């Protein structure tokens, strides 16, 4: 059996954990909206056509913010198609995913959905085929008081009071040649700056997210980020980053070390932020928004055959995928000084750990790590010092077997420790040592583990990979010994 030590000190703080790190992403792609969130034909639908079982699962996970409506969809979307009487909304050929968009779910339906799950809305404006005038008009429609054209149009549609949307994305992945209306870095930066000016003239209180690189493999990374930031620094509040993890090589040890690459991605962009702030001699601060992230490699289908709600990218998530998700969340806590928003893609059916049938809902293994961290990481992220055994990987060399994050809420005294054991075969006994403010009790623990990294749930076998509860107990010293099985994620809650 391997052994490790984890040292914690509540004075050794990385930063305050933003609740917006636990956000989701909804795109008009496949069955995410139709037959996912919005499904009037389902016996699970409420009076608005929203699925109550899906909303219940999303509330269980504790989403704080929800990004909408895309994604690649955004760059060809006219938001006016999705507002007003439903019988007058146009059916469109949706070019990004080659589907038929009915527009029965749009901006106002999304606002109602966010209220029901207690999440803040985050809207994107189309900077592909869209104009800066259309972007500003959407801000007026959502946030303007009655007395002007688009604000009054909102009133005619049944919403007299403003929606007060605070967070806005200036387009989506505009560095990507696959994007409708793709722009070079200088052209995008100029368009984003001018859109930002108009949008903030309508509502100076809004927070804007600038398109960063779509991933760290883009040929323009990180130059795109530098140019966009230097052009728009004073107008924006966040820089977006996107990343999808894969295991196309079927190399589980390397896949389970993906956190190494994720941290490098954050560190590069954090350095870019510091450089641009210094170069512009600015006192303004810009943070990172990881507003698309997920494991995605088994089902990459993206062509809908010009049908409504086609089955696209309906990924099946196994245990190893769940452990990568858990490490991603650990990275969020370890980088919370610069990373303030994150949105997992997507929340149901498409690249999602929730799948629906007409009257059924399946929770896959990755559902649980997100739920535990989202519900229990509060207050400050602690800079845990970990002495871990090492393991060899093909892609990342020698990496620690344990991946750890920790939190402490000074307001309540509650704390949490999150531990991934990347080993495929070895138990690890971890001795957790508090160097001050030792807790009095292990309140509870949760764990997901298994012998097979490819074990997964299905509608026919929904309980193959499920969590187990660890019993609480009183603590009589400043140390706590925990044995974590191989291929496991453990969440410990202390008070």
Protein backbone atom coordinates (compact mmCIF):
# COMPACT_ATOMS: atom_id res chain seq x y z
CA UNK A 1 0.00 0.00 0.00
CA UNK A 2 1.23 3.50 -0.88
CA UNK A 3 1.25 6.37 1.62
CA UNK A 4 0.91 10.14 1.30
CA UNK A 5 0.59 13.25 3.46
CA UNK A 6 -1.65 16.27 2.92
CA UNK A 7 -0.84 19.38 4.96
CA UNK A 8 -3.50 22.08 5.41
CA UNK A 9 -3.25 25.56 6.90
CA UNK A 10 -6.27 27.89 6.90
CA UNK A 11 -3.91 30.88 6.68
CA UNK A 12 -2.38 29.57 3.44
CA UNK A 13 -5.09 30.85 1.10
CA UNK A 14 -5.08 30.75 -2.70
CA UNK A 15 -8.16 32.94 -3.05
CA UNK A 16 -11.89 33.19 -2.52
CA UNK A 17 -13.94 30.55 -4.35
CA UNK A 18 -16.38 32.16 -6.76
CA UNK A 19 -19.74 30.33 -6.79
CA UNK A 20 -19.81 31.05 -10.54
CA UNK A 21 -17.16 28.35 -11.00
CA UNK A 22 -20.06 25.91 -10.83
CA UNK A 23 -21.95 26.88 -13.94
CA UNK A 24 -23.46 25.16 -16.96
CA UNK A 25 -23.83 25.69 -20.67
CA UNK A 26 -26.94 25.29 -22.81
CA UNK A 27 -26.74 25.31 -26.60
CA UNK A 28 -29.30 24.74 -29.32
CA UNK A 29 -27.46 21.59 -30.36
CA UNK A 30 -28.95 18.13 -30.68
CA UNK A 31 -31.29 17.35 -27.78
CA UNK A 32 -29.94 19.76 -25.19
CA UNK A 33 -32.85 22.21 -25.43
CA UNK A 34 -35.57 20.21 -27.20
CA UNK A 35 -36.21 16.84 -25.50
CA UNK A 36 -33.75 17.92 -22.80
CA UNK A 37 -34.66 21.11 -20.96
CA UNK A 38 -37.81 21.85 -22.95
CA UNK A 39 -40.07 18.92 -23.78
CA UNK A 40 -43.81 19.75 -23.64
CA UNK A 41 -44.68 16.21 -24.81
CA UNK A 42 -42.98 14.56 -21.83
CA UNK A 43 -45.08 13.52 -18.81
CA UNK A 44 -42.29 15.15 -16.77
CA UNK A 45 -42.96 18.62 -18.25
CA UNK A 46 -44.41 21.49 -16.22
CA UNK A 47 -46.90 24.09 -17.46
CA UNK A 48 -44.10 25.91 -19.32
CA UNK A 49 -42.90 22.75 -21.06
CA UNK A 50 -39.77 22.50 -18.90
CA UNK A 51 -38.78 19.06 -17.64
CA UNK A 52 -39.10 18.93 -13.87
CA UNK A 53 -36.81 15.89 -13.54
CA UNK A 54 -34.01 17.68 -15.41
CA UNK A 55 -34.47 20.85 -13.38
CA UNK A 56 -34.45 18.81 -10.18
CA UNK A 57 -31.13 17.21 -11.11
CA UNK A 58 -29.62 20.58 -12.04
CA UNK A 59 -30.74 22.07 -8.72
CA UNK A 60 -29.26 19.04 -6.96
CA UNK A 61 -25.93 19.88 -8.59
CA UNK A 62 -26.18 23.51 -7.52
CA UNK A 63 -25.56 25.42 -10.74
CA UNK A 64 -24.92 29.11 -10.03
CA UNK A 65 -24.81 30.44 -13.60
CA UNK A 66 -26.02 29.19 -16.99
CA UNK A 67 -24.56 30.22 -20.36
CA UNK A 68 -26.87 30.42 -23.42
CA UNK A 69 -27.58 30.05 -26.40
CA UNK A 70 -24.20 28.83 -27.68
CA UNK A 71 -21.73 27.75 -28.71
CA UNK A 72 -21.33 27.54 -32.49
CA UNK A 73 -25.09 28.03 -32.75
CA UNK A 74 -24.67 31.58 -31.48
CA UNK A 75 -22.70 32.81 -34.50
CA UNK A 76 -25.66 32.34 -36.86
CA UNK A 77 -28.50 33.15 -34.46
CA UNK A 78 -30.88 36.10 -34.67
CA UNK A 79 -32.24 36.51 -31.15
CA UNK A 80 -35.43 38.13 -32.51
CA UNK A 81 -36.40 34.72 -33.96
CA UNK A 82 -36.79 33.36 -30.42
CA UNK A 83 -39.03 36.00 -28.82
CA UNK A 84 -42.69 36.91 -29.19
CA UNK A 85 -45.71 34.67 -29.90
CA UNK A 86 -44.58 31.11 -30.53
CA UNK A 87 -46.92 30.60 -33.48
CA UNK A 88 -45.19 33.46 -35.29
CA UNK A 89 -41.60 32.34 -34.69
CA UNK A 90 -39.80 31.16 -37.82
CA UNK A 91 -38.47 27.67 -38.46
CA UNK A 92 -34.86 28.03 -39.60
CA UNK A 93 -32.14 25.90 -41.09
CA UNK A 94 -29.54 26.00 -38.31
CA UNK A 95 -26.18 25.98 -40.04
CA UNK A 96 -23.74 25.16 -37.23
CA UNK A 97 -25.26 21.73 -36.52
CA UNK A 98 -27.27 21.34 -39.75
CA UNK A 99 -30.55 20.99 -37.90
CA UNK A 100 -34.01 22.54 -38.05
CA UNK A 101 -34.46 25.17 -35.33
CA UNK A 102 -38.10 25.71 -34.35
CA UNK A 103 -37.36 28.70 -32.07
CA UNK A 104 -40.00 27.52 -29.60
CA UNK A 105 -37.46 28.07 -26.83
CA UNK A 106 -35.74 31.47 -26.76
CA UNK A 107 -34.52 34.27 -24.53
CA UNK A 108 -37.58 34.67 -22.31
CA UNK A 109 -38.08 30.93 -21.88
CA UNK A 110 -34.42 30.71 -20.87
CA UNK A 111 -34.94 33.42 -18.25
CA UNK A 112 -37.86 31.50 -16.78
CA UNK A 113 -35.77 28.34 -16.70
CA UNK A 114 -32.92 30.11 -14.87
CA UNK A 115 -35.32 31.38 -12.22
CA UNK A 116 -36.66 27.89 -11.61
CA UNK A 117 -33.19 26.42 -11.01
CA UNK A 118 -31.87 29.50 -9.13
CA UNK A 119 -29.06 30.19 -11.63
CA UNK A 120 -27.87 33.51 -12.99
CA UNK A 121 -28.29 33.86 -16.77
CA UNK A 122 -25.24 34.43 -18.97
CA UNK A 123 -26.16 35.47 -22.51
CA UNK A 124 -24.01 35.48 -25.64
CA UNK A 125 -24.29 37.99 -28.47
CA UNK A 126 -23.76 37.00 -32.11
CA UNK A 127 -20.54 38.52 -33.41
CA UNK A 128 -20.42 36.16 -36.40
CA UNK A 129 -23.29 37.08 -38.70
CA UNK A 130 -24.57 39.57 -36.13
CA UNK A 131 -23.81 43.27 -35.88
CA UNK A 132 -22.80 45.41 -32.94
CA UNK A 133 -26.20 47.12 -33.23
CA UNK A 134 -28.01 43.79 -32.80
CA UNK A 135 -25.83 42.98 -29.79
CA UNK A 136 -26.70 46.29 -28.15
CA UNK A 137 -30.40 45.80 -28.98
CA UNK A 138 -30.43 42.51 -27.05
CA UNK A 139 -29.03 44.27 -23.97
CA UNK A 140 -31.75 46.91 -24.31
CA UNK A 141 -34.38 44.19 -24.69
CA UNK A 142 -33.21 42.31 -21.59
CA UNK A 143 -32.12 45.11 -19.28
CA UNK A 144 -33.64 48.38 -20.44
CA UNK A 145 -36.44 50.05 -18.48
CA UNK A 146 -39.75 50.62 -20.26
CA UNK A 147 -39.82 53.60 -22.59
CA UNK A 148 -37.62 52.59 -25.53
CA UNK A 149 -38.22 50.38 -28.57
CA UNK A 150 -36.68 47.06 -27.52
CA UNK A 151 -37.57 47.42 -23.85
CA UNK A 152 -41.18 48.06 -24.84
CA UNK A 153 -41.03 45.08 -27.20
CA UNK A 154 -40.12 42.97 -24.19
CA UNK A 155 -43.20 44.37 -22.47
CA UNK A 156 -45.38 43.44 -25.45
CA UNK A 157 -44.03 39.91 -25.11
CA UNK A 158 -45.29 39.75 -21.52
CA UNK A 159 -42.19 40.80 -19.56
CA UNK A 160 -42.59 44.38 -18.40
CA UNK A 161 -39.81 44.22 -15.79
CA UNK A 162 -36.19 43.99 -17.02
CA UNK A 163 -34.42 40.64 -16.82
CA UNK A 164 -31.26 42.36 -15.48
CA UNK A 165 -28.79 39.99 -17.13
CA UNK A 166 -25.36 40.76 -15.67
CA UNK A 167 -23.00 38.45 -17.62
CA UNK A 168 -22.55 38.63 -21.41
CA UNK A 169 -20.27 36.81 -23.87
CA UNK A 170 -18.88 38.75 -26.85
CA UNK A 171 -19.37 35.97 -29.39
CA UNK A 172 -18.14 32.39 -29.34
CA UNK A 173 -14.83 30.86 -30.46
CA UNK A 174 -14.28 33.54 -33.07
CA UNK A 175 -10.68 32.32 -33.56
CA UNK A 176 -12.00 29.05 -35.05
CA UNK A 177 -12.24 28.61 -38.85
CA UNK A 178 -15.26 26.37 -38.16
CA UNK A 179 -17.14 29.35 -36.73
CA UNK A 180 -19.85 31.07 -38.77
CA UNK A 181 -18.44 34.53 -39.51
CA UNK A 182 -14.94 33.61 -38.30
CA UNK A 183 -12.69 36.66 -37.88
CA UNK A 184 -8.97 37.19 -37.60
CA UNK A 185 -7.66 38.39 -34.25
CA UNK A 186 -7.46 42.09 -35.17
CA UNK A 187 -10.90 42.16 -36.82
CA UNK A 188 -12.51 40.32 -33.91
CA UNK A 189 -10.83 42.53 -31.32
CA UNK A 190 -12.10 45.69 -33.02
CA UNK A 191 -15.66 44.35 -33.42
CA UNK A 192 -15.73 43.12 -29.81
CA UNK A 193 -14.49 46.48 -28.51
CA UNK A 194 -17.17 48.40 -30.42
CA UNK A 195 -19.92 45.98 -29.40
CA UNK A 196 -18.77 46.26 -25.77
CA UNK A 197 -18.98 50.04 -25.90
CA UNK A 198 -22.56 50.02 -27.17
CA UNK A 199 -23.65 47.27 -24.79
CA UNK A 200 -22.22 49.06 -21.75
CA UNK A 201 -23.74 52.35 -22.86
CA UNK A 202 -27.12 50.63 -22.52
CA UNK A 203 -26.19 49.16 -19.14
CA UNK A 204 -22.86 50.15 -17.54
CA UNK A 205 -23.30 47.50 -14.82
CA UNK A 206 -22.96 44.46 -17.09
CA UNK A 207 -19.88 42.24 -17.10
CA UNK A 208 -18.42 41.21 -20.47
CA UNK A 209 -16.53 38.07 -21.48
CA UNK A 210 -14.07 38.41 -24.37
CA UNK A 211 -13.47 35.45 -26.70
CA UNK A 212 -10.13 33.88 -25.95
CA UNK A 213 -8.54 30.93 -27.71
CA UNK A 214 -10.82 27.95 -28.34
CA UNK A 215 -8.14 25.65 -26.93
CA UNK A 216 -4.40 25.54 -26.31
CA UNK A 217 -3.75 23.77 -29.63
CA UNK A 218 -4.92 26.68 -31.80
CA UNK A 219 -2.10 28.01 -34.05
CA UNK A 220 -2.86 31.54 -32.84
CA UNK A 221 -2.71 30.66 -29.12
CA UNK A 222 -1.84 32.70 -27.05
CA UNK A 223 -1.25 35.56 -29.51
CA UNK A 224 -4.99 35.80 -30.15
CA UNK A 225 -5.56 36.32 -26.44
CA UNK A 226 -2.88 39.00 -26.19
CA UNK A 227 -4.19 40.98 -29.19
CA UNK A 228 -7.84 40.76 -28.11
CA UNK A 229 -6.96 41.81 -24.57
CA UNK A 230 -4.77 44.72 -25.60
CA UNK A 231 -7.56 46.04 -27.82
CA UNK A 232 -10.42 45.53 -25.36
CA UNK A 233 -8.81 45.58 -21.91
CA UNK A 234 -10.75 48.50 -20.44
CA UNK A 235 -14.10 47.36 -21.90
CA UNK A 236 -14.14 43.71 -20.72
CA UNK A 237 -14.09 41.88 -17.42
CA UNK A 238 -13.25 38.27 -18.34
CA UNK A 239 -11.35 36.33 -20.99
CA UNK A 240 -12.95 33.07 -22.07
CA UNK A 241 -11.13 29.76 -22.37
CA UNK A 242 -12.50 26.51 -23.79
CA UNK A 243 -11.15 22.98 -23.57
CA UNK A 244 -12.43 19.44 -24.16
CA UNK A 245 -10.41 16.55 -22.76
CA UNK A 246 -10.03 13.35 -24.78
CA UNK A 247 -8.67 9.84 -24.46
CA UNK A 248 -8.47 8.98 -28.13
CA UNK A 249 -5.21 7.11 -27.52
CA UNK A 250 -6.92 4.81 -24.98
CA UNK A 251 -4.11 5.69 -22.57
CA UNK A 252 -5.82 5.75 -19.18
CA UNK A 253 -2.76 6.67 -17.04
CA UNK A 254 -2.08 9.75 -19.20
CA UNK A 255 -5.76 10.62 -19.40
CA UNK A 256 -5.95 10.57 -15.61
CA UNK A 257 -3.09 13.10 -15.53
CA UNK A 258 -4.98 15.64 -17.69
CA UNK A 259 -4.95 18.10 -14.79
CA UNK A 260 -1.31 18.81 -15.66
CA UNK A 261 -2.34 20.23 -19.02
CA UNK A 262 -5.31 22.08 -17.59
CA UNK A 263 -3.09 23.88 -15.09
CA UNK A 264 -0.61 24.81 -17.82
CA UNK A 265 -3.47 26.29 -19.88
CA UNK A 266 -4.58 28.47 -16.97
CA UNK A 267 -1.02 29.50 -16.14
CA UNK A 268 -0.33 30.64 -19.71
CA UNK A 269 -3.45 32.80 -19.84
CA UNK A 270 -2.87 34.13 -16.32
CA UNK A 271 0.55 35.26 -17.50
CA UNK A 272 -1.01 36.86 -20.56
CA UNK A 273 -3.43 38.78 -18.34
CA UNK A 274 -0.56 40.07 -16.20
CA UNK A 275 1.45 41.07 -19.27
CA UNK A 276 -1.39 43.02 -20.89
CA UNK A 277 -2.32 44.75 -17.66
CA UNK A 278 1.30 45.88 -17.25
CA UNK A 279 1.67 46.88 -20.90
CA UNK A 280 -1.51 48.98 -20.86
CA UNK A 281 -0.55 50.55 -17.51
CA UNK A 282 -4.07 49.75 -16.35
CA UNK A 283 -5.61 49.50 -12.90
CA UNK A 284 -8.52 47.51 -14.34
CA UNK A 285 -8.56 43.78 -13.63
CA UNK A 286 -9.64 41.04 -16.05
CA UNK A 287 -10.20 37.44 -14.91
CA UNK A 288 -10.66 34.09 -16.66
CA UNK A 289 -13.98 32.47 -17.58
CA UNK A 290 -13.68 28.77 -18.49
CA UNK A 291 -17.12 28.82 -20.07
CA UNK A 292 -16.84 25.55 -22.01
CA UNK A 293 -15.20 22.49 -20.47
CA UNK A 294 -15.93 18.80 -20.51
CA UNK A 295 -14.65 15.36 -21.46
CA UNK A 296 -15.64 14.69 -25.10
CA UNK A 297 -14.27 12.03 -27.43
CA UNK A 298 -16.57 9.02 -27.83
CA UNK A 299 -19.37 10.66 -29.83
CA UNK A 300 -18.32 13.72 -31.86
CA UNK A 301 -21.34 13.71 -34.19
CA UNK A 302 -22.31 17.24 -35.25
CA UNK A 303 -24.42 17.00 -38.41
CA UNK A 304 -28.15 16.82 -37.80
CA UNK A 305 -29.36 15.98 -41.31
CA UNK A 306 -31.74 18.98 -41.22
CA UNK A 307 -33.98 17.37 -38.61
CA UNK A 308 -35.43 18.67 -35.34
CA UNK A 309 -33.54 17.74 -32.15
CA UNK A 310 -31.23 15.12 -33.69
CA UNK A 311 -29.18 12.84 -31.46
CA UNK A 312 -25.77 14.55 -31.55
CA UNK A 313 -22.72 14.02 -29.34
CA UNK A 314 -24.57 12.03 -26.68
CA UNK A 315 -21.46 10.97 -24.80
CA UNK A 316 -21.45 7.98 -22.46
CA UNK A 317 -19.31 8.81 -19.42
CA UNK A 318 -17.38 6.14 -17.54
CA UNK A 319 -15.42 6.09 -14.28
CA UNK A 320 -12.17 7.44 -15.75
CA UNK A 321 -14.11 10.35 -17.29
CA UNK A 322 -15.60 11.12 -13.88
CA UNK A 323 -12.13 11.19 -12.31
CA UNK A 324 -10.93 13.67 -14.95
CA UNK A 325 -13.97 15.85 -14.16
CA UNK A 326 -13.07 15.65 -10.45
CA UNK A 327 -9.52 16.81 -11.20
CA UNK A 328 -10.85 19.63 -13.36
CA UNK A 329 -12.82 20.85 -10.37
CA UNK A 330 -9.69 20.57 -8.23
CA UNK A 331 -7.89 22.77 -10.75
CA UNK A 332 -10.72 25.31 -10.49
CA UNK A 333 -10.12 25.58 -6.74
CA UNK A 334 -6.34 25.69 -7.10
CA UNK A 335 -6.62 28.51 -9.66
CA UNK A 336 -9.51 30.44 -8.13
CA UNK A 337 -7.39 33.57 -7.68
CA UNK A 338 -7.62 34.17 -11.45
CA UNK A 339 -10.44 31.84 -12.55
CA UNK A 340 -13.86 33.18 -11.57
CA UNK A 341 -16.43 31.62 -13.93
CA UNK A 342 -16.72 28.12 -15.40
CA UNK A 343 -19.52 26.48 -17.39
CA UNK A 344 -19.59 22.76 -18.08
CA UNK A 345 -20.77 21.82 -21.57
CA UNK A 346 -23.54 20.84 -21.71
CA UNK A 347 -26.12 20.24 -18.99
CA UNK A 348 -28.32 17.56 -20.57
CA UNK A 349 -28.07 15.01 -23.40
CA UNK A 350 -25.36 16.73 -25.48
CA UNK A 351 -21.84 16.12 -24.11
CA UNK A 352 -23.60 15.66 -20.79
CA UNK A 353 -23.72 13.33 -17.81
CA UNK A 354 -27.54 13.65 -17.79
CA UNK A 355 -29.53 11.83 -20.48
CA UNK A 356 -33.28 11.81 -21.00
CA UNK A 357 -35.91 9.55 -22.43
CA UNK A 358 -39.54 10.61 -22.63
CA UNK A 359 -40.18 9.85 -18.96
CA UNK A 360 -36.74 8.81 -17.64
CA UNK A 361 -33.52 10.51 -16.57
CA UNK A 362 -30.10 8.86 -16.37
CA UNK A 363 -27.27 10.14 -14.15
CA UNK A 364 -23.82 9.09 -15.30
CA UNK A 365 -20.71 8.81 -13.12
CA UNK A 366 -19.46 12.38 -13.71
CA UNK A 367 -22.64 13.78 -12.17
CA UNK A 368 -21.41 13.08 -8.66
CA UNK A 369 -18.00 14.85 -8.50
CA UNK A 370 -19.58 18.04 -9.82
CA UNK A 371 -22.39 17.82 -7.27
CA UNK A 372 -20.06 17.30 -4.31
CA UNK A 373 -17.61 20.09 -5.15
CA UNK A 374 -20.34 22.53 -6.22
CA UNK A 375 -22.31 21.94 -3.03
CA UNK A 376 -19.43 21.94 -0.55
CA UNK A 377 -16.50 24.08 -1.81
CA UNK A 378 -17.15 27.33 0.03
CA UNK A 379 -15.15 30.26 1.32
CA UNK A 380 -11.44 30.11 0.53
CA UNK A 381 -9.42 27.61 -1.46
CA UNK A 382 -6.46 26.41 0.56
CA UNK A 383 -2.97 25.84 -0.79
CA UNK A 384 -2.67 22.19 0.21
CA UNK A 385 0.89 20.86 0.42
CA UNK A 386 0.81 17.27 -0.79
CA UNK A 387 3.54 14.68 -0.43
CA UNK A 388 2.34 11.99 -2.81
CA UNK A 389 3.85 8.89 -4.39
CA UNK A 390 4.52 9.34 -8.09
CA UNK A 391 3.32 7.46 -11.15
CA UNK A 392 4.67 7.34 -14.70
CA UNK A 393 2.65 8.42 -17.76
CA UNK A 394 3.49 8.48 -21.48
CA UNK A 395 2.22 12.00 -22.10
CA UNK A 396 3.11 13.87 -18.91
CA UNK A 397 6.05 11.98 -17.46
CA UNK A 398 6.07 11.38 -13.72
CA UNK A 399 3.00 12.81 -11.92
CA UNK A 400 1.66 12.63 -8.34
CA UNK A 401 -0.69 9.71 -7.76
CA UNK A 402 -2.97 11.95 -5.67
CA UNK A 403 -4.65 15.10 -6.98
CA UNK A 404 -5.94 17.27 -4.12
CA UNK A 405 -7.83 20.47 -3.44
CA UNK A 406 -9.27 21.88 -0.22
CA UNK A 407 -11.57 24.64 0.97
CA UNK A 408 -12.34 26.39 4.23
CA UNK A 409 -15.18 28.77 5.02
CA UNK A 410 -14.12 31.14 7.82
CA UNK A 411 -17.73 32.26 8.28
CA UNK A 412 -18.96 28.81 9.29
CA UNK A 413 -15.80 26.88 10.10
CA UNK A 414 -16.76 24.22 7.56
CA UNK A 415 -14.06 22.70 5.39
CA UNK A 416 -13.74 20.18 2.60
CA UNK A 417 -10.94 18.08 1.13
CA UNK A 418 -11.24 16.57 -2.35
CA UNK A 419 -8.90 13.69 -3.28
CA UNK A 420 -8.47 11.82 -6.57
CA UNK A 421 -6.41 8.61 -6.57
CA UNK A 422 -5.14 8.27 -10.14
CA UNK A 423 -3.60 4.85 -9.58
CA UNK A 424 -5.21 2.00 -11.49
CA UNK A 425 -4.29 -0.61 -8.89
CA UNK A 426 -2.89 0.80 -5.62
CA UNK A 427 -4.63 1.90 -2.42
CA UNK A 428 -3.13 5.04 -0.92
CA UNK A 429 -3.24 5.84 2.80
CA UNK A 430 -3.28 9.61 3.06
CA UNK A 431 -2.58 11.26 6.39
CA UNK A 432 -4.32 14.65 6.41
CA UNK A 433 -2.61 17.03 8.85
CA UNK A 434 -4.01 20.41 9.88
CA UNK A 435 -1.25 22.81 10.85
CA UNK A 436 -3.82 25.06 12.54
CA UNK A 437 -7.59 25.22 13.13
CA UNK A 438 -8.00 21.45 13.16
CA UNK A 439 -11.66 20.43 12.74
CA UNK A 440 -13.56 18.65 15.50
CA UNK A 441 -15.51 16.29 13.30
CA UNK A 442 -15.67 14.54 9.96
CA UNK A 443 -19.27 15.40 9.16
CA UNK A 444 -19.59 13.09 6.16
CA UNK A 445 -17.74 11.74 3.17
CA UNK A 446 -18.65 10.68 -0.34
CA UNK A 447 -16.71 8.44 -2.67
CA UNK A 448 -16.94 7.04 -6.16
CA UNK A 449 -14.57 4.26 -7.23
CA UNK A 450 -14.27 0.98 -9.08
CA UNK A 451 -11.99 -1.65 -10.54
CA UNK A 452 -12.75 -0.90 -14.20
CA UNK A 453 -11.93 2.59 -15.52
CA UNK A 454 -14.45 2.05 -18.33
CA UNK A 455 -17.38 1.08 -16.09
CA UNK A 456 -20.41 3.22 -16.92
CA UNK A 457 -24.13 3.57 -16.26
CA UNK A 458 -26.92 3.12 -18.80
CA UNK A 459 -30.71 3.24 -18.78
CA UNK A 460 -30.70 -0.56 -18.56
CA UNK A 461 -28.01 -0.62 -15.83
CA UNK A 462 -28.15 2.75 -14.03
CA UNK A 463 -26.29 1.63 -10.88
CA UNK A 464 -22.97 0.32 -12.22
CA UNK A 465 -21.01 3.36 -10.99
CA UNK A 466 -22.67 5.07 -8.04
CA UNK A 467 -21.46 6.94 -4.95
CA UNK A 468 -21.15 5.59 -1.48
CA UNK A 469 -21.46 7.44 1.79
CA UNK A 470 -18.58 7.48 4.29
CA UNK A 471 -19.64 7.71 7.92
CA UNK A 472 -18.80 10.77 9.98
CA UNK A 473 -16.95 10.67 13.26
CA UNK A 474 -15.41 12.88 15.91
CA UNK A 475 -11.72 13.79 15.60
CA UNK A 476 -9.45 13.94 18.62
CA UNK A 477 -6.24 15.22 17.02
CA UNK A 478 -4.98 17.42 14.21
CA UNK A 479 -4.55 14.46 11.86
CA UNK A 480 -6.93 12.19 9.99
CA UNK A 481 -5.96 9.00 8.18
CA UNK A 482 -7.82 8.12 5.00
CA UNK A 483 -7.29 5.11 2.76
CA UNK A 484 -8.43 5.87 -0.78
CA UNK A 485 -8.90 3.01 -3.22
CA UNK A 486 -7.49 3.08 -6.74
CA UNK A 487 -9.50 4.85 -9.42
CA UNK A 488 -11.41 6.91 -6.88
CA UNK A 489 -12.63 10.38 -5.99
CA UNK A 490 -13.35 11.16 -2.35
CA UNK A 491 -14.99 14.27 -0.88
CA UNK A 492 -14.53 14.79 2.88
CA UNK A 493 -16.61 17.35 4.78
CA UNK A 494 -15.29 18.65 8.10
CA UNK A 495 -16.62 21.00 10.76
